[in-house]
């Protein structure tokens, strides 16, 4: 027999928090989640509507997800949701930065100018 729904994700120390507003910051998530236990890391997702929280203890993550299902946290007037992540750890690639191809840069109206040995006072005007 096949199951009707997807396999539930097993509890782990990494929790996905969704429903964030673009103005949400890491500090906001620390403030919401720290009462459940020590937080090892917070990683904001690129689209800024989600984040990964890594708790130091599994029990803290379980308490956070359980309570969030019963009473969802509110941040900046928006209701958040929390669920266990499929990730078992948060990996940060510090050794090698991402390569950016020349064609991925977008045009900008910002011009960076460096002046060496100015002879006269310089203003922004």
Protein backbone atom coordinates (compact mmCIF):
# COMPACT_ATOMS: atom_id res chain seq x y z
CA UNK A 1 0.00 0.00 0.00
CA UNK A 2 1.19 3.50 -0.74
CA UNK A 3 0.92 6.37 1.65
CA UNK A 4 -1.44 9.19 0.79
CA UNK A 5 0.78 12.04 2.00
CA UNK A 6 4.48 12.80 2.15
CA UNK A 7 6.59 11.35 4.93
CA UNK A 8 6.64 13.67 7.92
CA UNK A 9 9.99 15.30 8.58
CA UNK A 10 11.66 13.97 11.70
CA UNK A 11 12.36 16.48 14.45
CA UNK A 12 15.84 17.95 14.29
CA UNK A 13 17.70 21.01 15.54
CA UNK A 14 17.18 22.94 12.30
CA UNK A 15 13.81 24.70 12.05
CA UNK A 16 12.44 26.47 8.99
CA UNK A 17 10.52 29.65 9.86
CA UNK A 18 8.33 31.02 7.09
CA UNK A 19 5.98 33.89 6.51
CA UNK A 20 8.55 36.58 7.28
CA UNK A 21 8.21 40.09 5.92
CA UNK A 22 11.10 41.58 3.93
CA UNK A 23 11.86 43.86 6.89
CA UNK A 24 12.49 40.91 9.24
CA UNK A 25 16.00 40.65 10.69
CA UNK A 26 18.01 37.95 12.41
CA UNK A 27 17.67 39.82 15.69
CA UNK A 28 13.87 39.58 15.42
CA UNK A 29 14.05 35.80 15.14
CA UNK A 30 16.48 35.55 18.06
CA UNK A 31 14.02 37.56 20.17
CA UNK A 32 11.14 35.24 19.29
CA UNK A 33 12.97 31.92 19.64
CA UNK A 34 15.49 32.44 22.43
CA UNK A 35 12.98 31.70 25.19
CA UNK A 36 12.88 28.09 23.97
CA UNK A 37 16.61 27.57 24.31
CA UNK A 38 20.00 28.54 23.04
CA UNK A 39 20.21 29.33 19.33
CA UNK A 40 23.37 28.38 17.51
CA UNK A 41 22.71 30.10 14.18
CA UNK A 42 20.13 32.01 12.15
CA UNK A 43 20.34 32.12 8.36
CA UNK A 44 18.00 34.38 6.44
CA UNK A 45 16.98 33.00 3.05
CA UNK A 46 17.69 34.99 -0.05
CA UNK A 47 14.06 35.89 -0.67
CA UNK A 48 13.84 37.13 2.95
CA UNK A 49 10.47 35.44 3.53
CA UNK A 50 12.03 32.51 5.36
CA UNK A 51 14.89 31.63 7.65
CA UNK A 52 16.60 28.62 9.18
CA UNK A 53 17.10 28.52 12.95
CA UNK A 54 19.59 26.11 14.44
CA UNK A 55 19.00 25.34 18.10
CA UNK A 56 21.79 23.90 20.23
CA UNK A 57 19.45 21.28 21.72
CA UNK A 58 16.88 19.11 19.96
CA UNK A 59 14.40 19.59 22.80
CA UNK A 60 14.45 23.36 22.26
CA UNK A 61 13.61 22.94 18.58
CA UNK A 62 10.77 20.55 19.43
CA UNK A 63 9.32 23.01 21.95
CA UNK A 64 9.55 25.87 19.45
CA UNK A 65 7.80 23.98 16.63
CA UNK A 66 5.14 22.54 18.95
CA UNK A 67 4.29 25.91 20.47
CA UNK A 68 4.36 27.62 17.07
CA UNK A 69 1.71 25.22 15.80
CA UNK A 70 -0.51 25.92 18.81
CA UNK A 71 0.15 29.67 19.03
CA UNK A 72 1.91 30.95 15.89
CA UNK A 73 4.35 33.78 16.58
CA UNK A 74 3.60 37.21 15.14
CA UNK A 75 6.35 39.37 13.66
CA UNK A 76 5.70 42.81 12.16
CA UNK A 77 1.98 42.06 12.14
CA UNK A 78 2.33 38.83 10.18
CA UNK A 79 1.76 35.30 11.46
CA UNK A 80 4.79 33.02 11.11
CA UNK A 81 4.95 29.26 10.78
CA UNK A 82 7.64 26.87 11.94
CA UNK A 83 8.43 23.36 10.77
CA UNK A 84 11.38 21.02 10.95
CA UNK A 85 13.83 21.51 8.14
CA UNK A 86 14.96 18.78 5.79
CA UNK A 87 18.53 19.98 6.46
CA UNK A 88 20.42 18.27 9.26
CA UNK A 89 22.93 21.09 9.58
CA UNK A 90 23.47 24.62 8.36
CA UNK A 91 26.50 24.71 6.14
CA UNK A 92 28.31 27.91 5.40
CA UNK A 93 30.87 27.91 2.64
CA UNK A 94 33.49 30.29 3.98
CA UNK A 95 36.47 28.76 2.16
CA UNK A 96 35.59 29.76 -1.36
CA UNK A 97 33.32 32.68 -2.21
CA UNK A 98 30.79 32.28 -4.98
CA UNK A 99 32.07 33.17 -8.42
CA UNK A 100 30.16 35.86 -10.19
CA UNK A 101 30.21 35.92 -13.94
CA UNK A 102 30.49 39.28 -15.67
CA UNK A 103 27.06 38.90 -17.25
CA UNK A 104 25.37 38.52 -13.84
CA UNK A 105 26.19 42.10 -12.81
CA UNK A 106 23.37 44.52 -13.34
CA UNK A 107 23.72 48.12 -14.41
CA UNK A 108 23.68 50.64 -11.59
CA UNK A 109 23.50 54.42 -11.27
CA UNK A 110 26.13 54.40 -8.55
CA UNK A 111 29.61 55.53 -9.48
CA UNK A 112 32.48 54.91 -7.11
CA UNK A 113 35.25 57.47 -7.43
CA UNK A 114 38.56 57.47 -5.59
CA UNK A 115 40.64 60.62 -5.58
CA UNK A 116 44.28 60.44 -4.54
CA UNK A 117 46.17 63.54 -3.36
CA UNK A 118 43.41 66.16 -3.74
CA UNK A 119 44.65 69.72 -4.16
CA UNK A 120 41.32 71.43 -3.44
CA UNK A 121 38.41 70.76 -1.03
CA UNK A 122 36.02 68.20 -2.50
CA UNK A 123 32.27 68.08 -1.87
CA UNK A 124 29.54 65.77 -3.05
CA UNK A 125 28.03 68.56 -5.15
